């Protein structure tokens, strides 16, 4: 089950989209911002049909 989610890059402030695979359960991974190419940590938490995405800098 794939979902797109916009988020604000913690480095450059631009809004970009992440493609999330909700079928994999809780996940944490790093994805480069498509604007500034800096590493953004995506922390996906799933709970049944509900899910939450937190975004942070790699150096936090």
PDB file of N, CA and C in Angstrom:
ATOM      1  N   UNK A   1       0.842  -1.165   0.000  1.00  0.00           N
ATOM      2  CA  UNK A   1       0.000   0.000   0.000  1.00  0.00           C
ATOM      3  C   UNK A   1       0.898   1.242   0.000  1.00  0.00           C
ATOM      4  N   UNK A   2       0.907   1.972  -1.100  1.00  0.00           N
ATOM      5  CA  UNK A   2       1.755   3.146  -1.250  1.00  0.00           C
ATOM      6  C   UNK A   2       0.951   4.424  -1.022  1.00  0.00           C
ATOM      7  N   UNK A   3       1.605   5.399  -0.413  1.00  0.00           N
ATOM      8  CA  UNK A   3       0.982   6.684  -0.103  1.00  0.00           C
ATOM      9  C   UNK A   3       2.010   7.774  -0.368  1.00  0.00           C
ATOM     10  N   UNK A   4       1.595   8.868  -0.977  1.00  0.00           N
ATOM     11  CA  UNK A   4       2.496  10.009  -1.122  1.00  0.00           C
ATOM     12  C   UNK A   4       2.192  11.013  -0.024  1.00  0.00           C
ATOM     13  N   UNK A   5       3.252  11.607   0.507  1.00  0.00           N
ATOM     14  CA  UNK A   5       3.093  12.559   1.600  1.00  0.00           C
ATOM     15  C   UNK A   5       4.039  13.737   1.393  1.00  0.00           C
ATOM     16  N   UNK A   6       3.503  14.945   1.292  1.00  0.00           N
ATOM     17  CA  UNK A   6       4.388  16.103   1.212  1.00  0.00           C
ATOM     18  C   UNK A   6       4.981  16.392   2.592  1.00  0.00           C
ATOM     19  N   UNK A   7       6.223  16.884   2.596  1.00  0.00           N
ATOM     20  CA  UNK A   7       6.862  17.303   3.843  1.00  0.00           C
ATOM     21  C   UNK A   7       7.801  18.457   3.544  1.00  0.00           C
ATOM     22  N   UNK A   8       8.134  19.215   4.571  1.00  0.00           N
ATOM     23  CA  UNK A   8       9.038  20.343   4.413  1.00  0.00           C
ATOM     24  C   UNK A   8      10.451  19.896   4.762  1.00  0.00           C
ATOM     25  N   UNK A   9      11.374  20.095   3.833  1.00  0.00           N
ATOM     26  CA  UNK A   9      12.761  19.708   4.057  1.00  0.00           C
ATOM     27  C   UNK A   9      13.313  20.494   5.246  1.00  0.00           C
ATOM     28  N   UNK A  10      13.919  19.810   6.218  1.00  0.00           N
ATOM     29  CA  UNK A  10      14.458  20.504   7.385  1.00  0.00           C
ATOM     30  C   UNK A  10      15.732  21.307   7.086  1.00  0.00           C
ATOM     31  N   UNK A  11      16.274  21.166   5.902  1.00  0.00           N
ATOM     32  CA  UNK A  11      17.465  21.928   5.514  1.00  0.00           C
ATOM     33  C   UNK A  11      17.102  23.172   4.711  1.00  0.00           C
ATOM     34  N   UNK A  12      16.436  22.986   3.567  1.00  0.00           N
ATOM     35  CA  UNK A  12      16.180  24.111   2.653  1.00  0.00           C
ATOM     36  C   UNK A  12      14.780  24.701   2.809  1.00  0.00           C
ATOM     37  N   UNK A  13      13.875  24.005   3.498  1.00  0.00           N
ATOM     38  CA  UNK A  13      12.532  24.522   3.730  1.00  0.00           C
ATOM     39  C   UNK A  13      11.547  24.293   2.593  1.00  0.00           C
ATOM     40  N   UNK A  14      11.996  23.729   1.487  1.00  0.00           N
ATOM     41  CA  UNK A  14      11.102  23.459   0.359  1.00  0.00           C
ATOM     42  C   UNK A  14      10.179  22.279   0.675  1.00  0.00           C
ATOM     43  N   UNK A  15       8.995  22.308   0.110  1.00  0.00           N
ATOM     44  CA  UNK A  15       8.054  21.197   0.272  1.00  0.00           C
ATOM     45  C   UNK A  15       8.329  20.188  -0.837  1.00  0.00           C
ATOM     46  N   UNK A  16       8.598  18.945  -0.430  1.00  0.00           N
ATOM     47  CA  UNK A  16       8.851  17.847  -1.363  1.00  0.00           C
ATOM     48  C   UNK A  16       7.952  16.679  -0.985  1.00  0.00           C
ATOM     49  N   UNK A  17       7.852  15.678  -1.843  1.00  0.00           N
ATOM     50  CA  UNK A  17       6.991  14.526  -1.574  1.00  0.00           C
ATOM     51  C   UNK A  17       7.807  13.273  -1.313  1.00  0.00           C
ATOM     52  N   UNK A  18       7.313  12.484  -0.392  1.00  0.00           N
ATOM     53  CA  UNK A  18       7.891  11.170  -0.123  1.00  0.00           C
ATOM     54  C   UNK A  18       6.878  10.116  -0.550  1.00  0.00           C
ATOM     55  N   UNK A  19       7.362   9.024  -1.092  1.00  0.00           N
ATOM     56  CA  UNK A  19       6.523   7.880  -1.421  1.00  0.00           C
ATOM     57  C   UNK A  19       6.703   6.864  -0.300  1.00  0.00           C
ATOM     58  N   UNK A  20       5.640   6.589   0.436  1.00  0.00           N
ATOM     59  CA  UNK A  20       5.694   5.738   1.619  1.00  0.00           C
ATOM     60  C   UNK A  20       5.052   4.389   1.339  1.00  0.00           C
ATOM     61  N   UNK A  21       5.714   3.319   1.792  1.00  0.00           N
ATOM     62  CA  UNK A  21       5.170   1.970   1.695  1.00  0.00           C
ATOM     63  C   UNK A  21       4.602   1.601   3.062  1.00  0.00           C
ATOM     64  N   UNK A  22       3.295   1.766   3.235  1.00  0.00           N
ATOM     65  CA  UNK A  22       2.645   1.533   4.523  1.00  0.00           C
ATOM     66  C   UNK A  22       2.545   0.059   4.882  1.00  0.00           C
ATOM     67  N   UNK A  23       2.737  -0.825   3.919  1.00  0.00           N
ATOM     68  CA  UNK A  23       2.613  -2.256   4.184  1.00  0.00           C
ATOM     69  C   UNK A  23       3.820  -2.809   4.934  1.00  0.00           C
ATOM     70  N   UNK A  24       4.898  -2.049   5.037  1.00  0.00           N
ATOM     71  CA  UNK A  24       6.119  -2.518   5.693  1.00  0.00           C
ATOM     72  C   UNK A  24       6.166  -2.283   7.186  1.00  0.00           C
ATOM     73  N   UNK A  25       5.117  -1.697   7.771  1.00  0.00           N
ATOM     74  CA  UNK A  25       5.113  -1.414   9.202  1.00  0.00           C
ATOM     75  C   UNK A  25       5.995  -0.215   9.522  1.00  0.00           C
ATOM     76  N   UNK A  26       6.402  -0.115  10.795  1.00  0.00           N
ATOM     77  CA  UNK A  26       7.250   0.991  11.222  1.00  0.00           C
ATOM     78  C   UNK A  26       8.583   0.943  10.485  1.00  0.00           C
ATOM     79  N   UNK A  27       9.032   2.101  10.015  1.00  0.00           N
ATOM     80  CA  UNK A  27      10.271   2.175   9.248  1.00  0.00           C
ATOM     81  C   UNK A  27      10.982   3.483   9.538  1.00  0.00           C
ATOM     82  N   UNK A  28      12.305   3.440   9.447  1.00  0.00           N
ATOM     83  CA  UNK A  28      13.097   4.658   9.476  1.00  0.00           C
ATOM     84  C   UNK A  28      14.136   4.532   8.382  1.00  0.00           C
ATOM     85  N   UNK A  29      14.206   5.531   7.515  1.00  0.00           N
ATOM     86  CA  UNK A  29      15.175   5.491   6.436  1.00  0.00           C
ATOM     87  C   UNK A  29      15.568   6.904   6.040  1.00  0.00           C
ATOM     88  N   UNK A  30      16.644   7.010   5.288  1.00  0.00           N
ATOM     89  CA  UNK A  30      17.172   8.290   4.847  1.00  0.00           C
ATOM     90  C   UNK A  30      16.935   8.443   3.354  1.00  0.00           C
ATOM     91  N   UNK A  31      16.458   9.626   2.973  1.00  0.00           N
ATOM     92  CA  UNK A  31      16.174   9.930   1.576  1.00  0.00           C
ATOM     93  C   UNK A  31      16.703  11.330   1.305  1.00  0.00           C
ATOM     94  N   UNK A  32      17.377  11.516   0.190  1.00  0.00           N
ATOM     95  CA  UNK A  32      17.895  12.834  -0.153  1.00  0.00           C
ATOM     96  C   UNK A  32      16.763  13.749  -0.602  1.00  0.00           C
ATOM     97  N   UNK A  33      16.810  15.001  -0.159  1.00  0.00           N
ATOM     98  CA  UNK A  33      15.851  16.008  -0.603  1.00  0.00           C
ATOM     99  C   UNK A  33      16.028  16.198  -2.102  1.00  0.00           C
ATOM    100  N   UNK A  34      14.924  16.229  -2.836  1.00  0.00           N
ATOM    101  CA  UNK A  34      15.004  16.378  -4.287  1.00  0.00           C
ATOM    102  C   UNK A  34      15.379  17.800  -4.713  1.00  0.00           C
ATOM    103  N   UNK A  35      15.383  18.748  -3.784  1.00  0.00           N
ATOM    104  CA  UNK A  35      15.749  20.124  -4.100  1.00  0.00           C
ATOM    105  C   UNK A  35      17.205  20.406  -3.746  1.00  0.00           C
ATOM    106  N   UNK A  36      17.593  20.152  -2.474  1.00  0.00           N
ATOM    107  CA  UNK A  36      18.941  20.512  -2.019  1.00  0.00           C
ATOM    108  C   UNK A  36      19.882  19.312  -1.897  1.00  0.00           C
ATOM    109  N   UNK A  37      19.352  18.109  -2.088  1.00  0.00           N
ATOM    110  CA  UNK A  37      20.142  16.861  -2.069  1.00  0.00           C
ATOM    111  C   UNK A  37      20.753  16.533  -0.714  1.00  0.00           C
ATOM    112  N   UNK A  38      20.279  17.130   0.362  1.00  0.00           N
ATOM    113  CA  UNK A  38      20.792  16.811   1.696  1.00  0.00           C
ATOM    114  C   UNK A  38      20.002  15.627   2.262  1.00  0.00           C
ATOM    115  N   UNK A  39      20.619  14.823   3.155  1.00  0.00           N
ATOM    116  CA  UNK A  39      19.963  13.620   3.678  1.00  0.00           C
ATOM    117  C   UNK A  39      18.907  13.934   4.734  1.00  0.00           C
ATOM    118  N   UNK A  40      17.683  13.494   4.469  1.00  0.00           N
ATOM    119  CA  UNK A  40      16.552  13.707   5.365  1.00  0.00           C
ATOM    120  C   UNK A  40      16.145  12.348   5.946  1.00  0.00           C
ATOM    121  N   UNK A  41      15.987  12.289   7.277  1.00  0.00           N
ATOM    122  CA  UNK A  41      15.569  11.055   7.941  1.00  0.00           C
ATOM    123  C   UNK A  41      14.046  11.036   8.018  1.00  0.00           C
ATOM    124  N   UNK A  42      13.442  10.002   7.457  1.00  0.00           N
ATOM    125  CA  UNK A  42      11.994   9.808   7.490  1.00  0.00           C
ATOM    126  C   UNK A  42      11.689   8.707   8.491  1.00  0.00           C
ATOM    127  N   UNK A  43      10.872   9.028   9.490  1.00  0.00           N
ATOM    128  CA  UNK A  43      10.494   8.073  10.529  1.00  0.00           C
ATOM    129  C   UNK A  43       8.998   7.823  10.397  1.00  0.00           C
ATOM    130  N   UNK A  44       8.645   6.661   9.858  1.00  0.00           N
ATOM    131  CA  UNK A  44       7.253   6.305   9.599  1.00  0.00           C
ATOM    132  C   UNK A  44       6.758   5.355  10.679  1.00  0.00           C
ATOM    133  N   UNK A  45       5.672   5.734  11.328  1.00  0.00           N
ATOM    134  CA  UNK A  45       5.047   4.894  12.356  1.00  0.00           C
ATOM    135  C   UNK A  45       3.646   4.540  11.892  1.00  0.00           C
ATOM    136  N   UNK A  46       3.342   3.256  11.890  1.00  0.00           N
ATOM    137  CA  UNK A  46       2.021   2.790  11.455  1.00  0.00           C
ATOM    138  C   UNK A  46       1.303   2.114  12.610  1.00  0.00           C
ATOM    139  N   UNK A  47      -0.006   2.288  12.633  1.00  0.00           N
ATOM    140  CA  UNK A  47      -0.839   1.666  13.654  1.00  0.00           C
ATOM    141  C   UNK A  47      -2.174   1.321  12.998  1.00  0.00           C
ATOM    142  N   UNK A  48      -2.239   0.137  12.421  1.00  0.00           N
ATOM    143  CA  UNK A  48      -3.451  -0.247  11.703  1.00  0.00           C
ATOM    144  C   UNK A  48      -3.637   0.620  10.472  1.00  0.00           C
ATOM    145  N   UNK A  49      -4.741   1.343  10.417  1.00  0.00           N
ATOM    146  CA  UNK A  49      -5.017   2.202   9.266  1.00  0.00           C
ATOM    147  C   UNK A  49      -4.439   3.606   9.437  1.00  0.00           C
ATOM    148  N   UNK A  50      -4.000   3.943  10.641  1.00  0.00           N
ATOM    149  CA  UNK A  50      -3.417   5.250  10.919  1.00  0.00           C
ATOM    150  C   UNK A  50      -1.912   5.194  10.760  1.00  0.00           C
ATOM    151  N   UNK A  51      -1.317   6.311  10.361  1.00  0.00           N
ATOM    152  CA  UNK A  51       0.126   6.380  10.244  1.00  0.00           C
ATOM    153  C   UNK A  51       0.579   7.813  10.479  1.00  0.00           C
ATOM    154  N   UNK A  52       1.855   7.952  10.825  1.00  0.00           N
ATOM    155  CA  UNK A  52       2.421   9.259  11.112  1.00  0.00           C
ATOM    156  C   UNK A  52       3.840   9.311  10.560  1.00  0.00           C
ATOM    157  N   UNK A  53       4.203  10.420   9.940  1.00  0.00           N
ATOM    158  CA  UNK A  53       5.532  10.605   9.391  1.00  0.00           C
ATOM    159  C   UNK A  53       6.203  11.767  10.100  1.00  0.00           C
ATOM    160  N   UNK A  54       7.389  11.520  10.644  1.00  0.00           N
ATOM    161  CA  UNK A  54       8.207  12.575  11.217  1.00  0.00           C
ATOM    162  C   UNK A  54       9.461  12.714  10.392  1.00  0.00           C
ATOM    163  N   UNK A  55       9.880  13.943  10.168  1.00  0.00           N
ATOM    164  CA  UNK A  55      11.019  14.246   9.315  1.00  0.00           C
ATOM    165  C   UNK A  55      12.046  15.015  10.135  1.00  0.00           C
ATOM    166  N   UNK A  56      13.317  14.637   9.984  1.00  0.00           N
ATOM    167  CA  UNK A  56      14.370  15.339  10.711  1.00  0.00           C
ATOM    168  C   UNK A  56      15.658  15.376   9.891  1.00  0.00           C
ATOM    169  N   UNK A  57      16.587  16.207  10.331  1.00  0.00           N
ATOM    170  CA  UNK A  57      17.899  16.282   9.718  1.00  0.00           C
ATOM    171  C   UNK A  57      18.700  15.060  10.119  1.00  0.00           C
ATOM    172  N   UNK A  58      19.617  14.650   9.271  1.00  0.00           N
ATOM    173  CA  UNK A  58      20.447  13.503   9.596  1.00  0.00           C
ATOM    174  C   UNK A  58      21.366  13.791  10.782  1.00  0.00           C
ATOM    175  N   UNK A  59      21.744  15.049  10.975  1.00  0.00           N
ATOM    176  CA  UNK A  59      22.664  15.388  12.056  1.00  0.00           C
ATOM    177  C   UNK A  59      21.966  15.756  13.359  1.00  0.00           C
ATOM    178  N   UNK A  60      20.642  15.543  13.463  1.00  0.00           N
ATOM    179  CA  UNK A  60      19.905  15.802  14.725  1.00  0.00           C
ATOM    180  C   UNK A  60      20.091  14.660  15.702  1.00  0.00           C
TER     181      UNK A  60
END
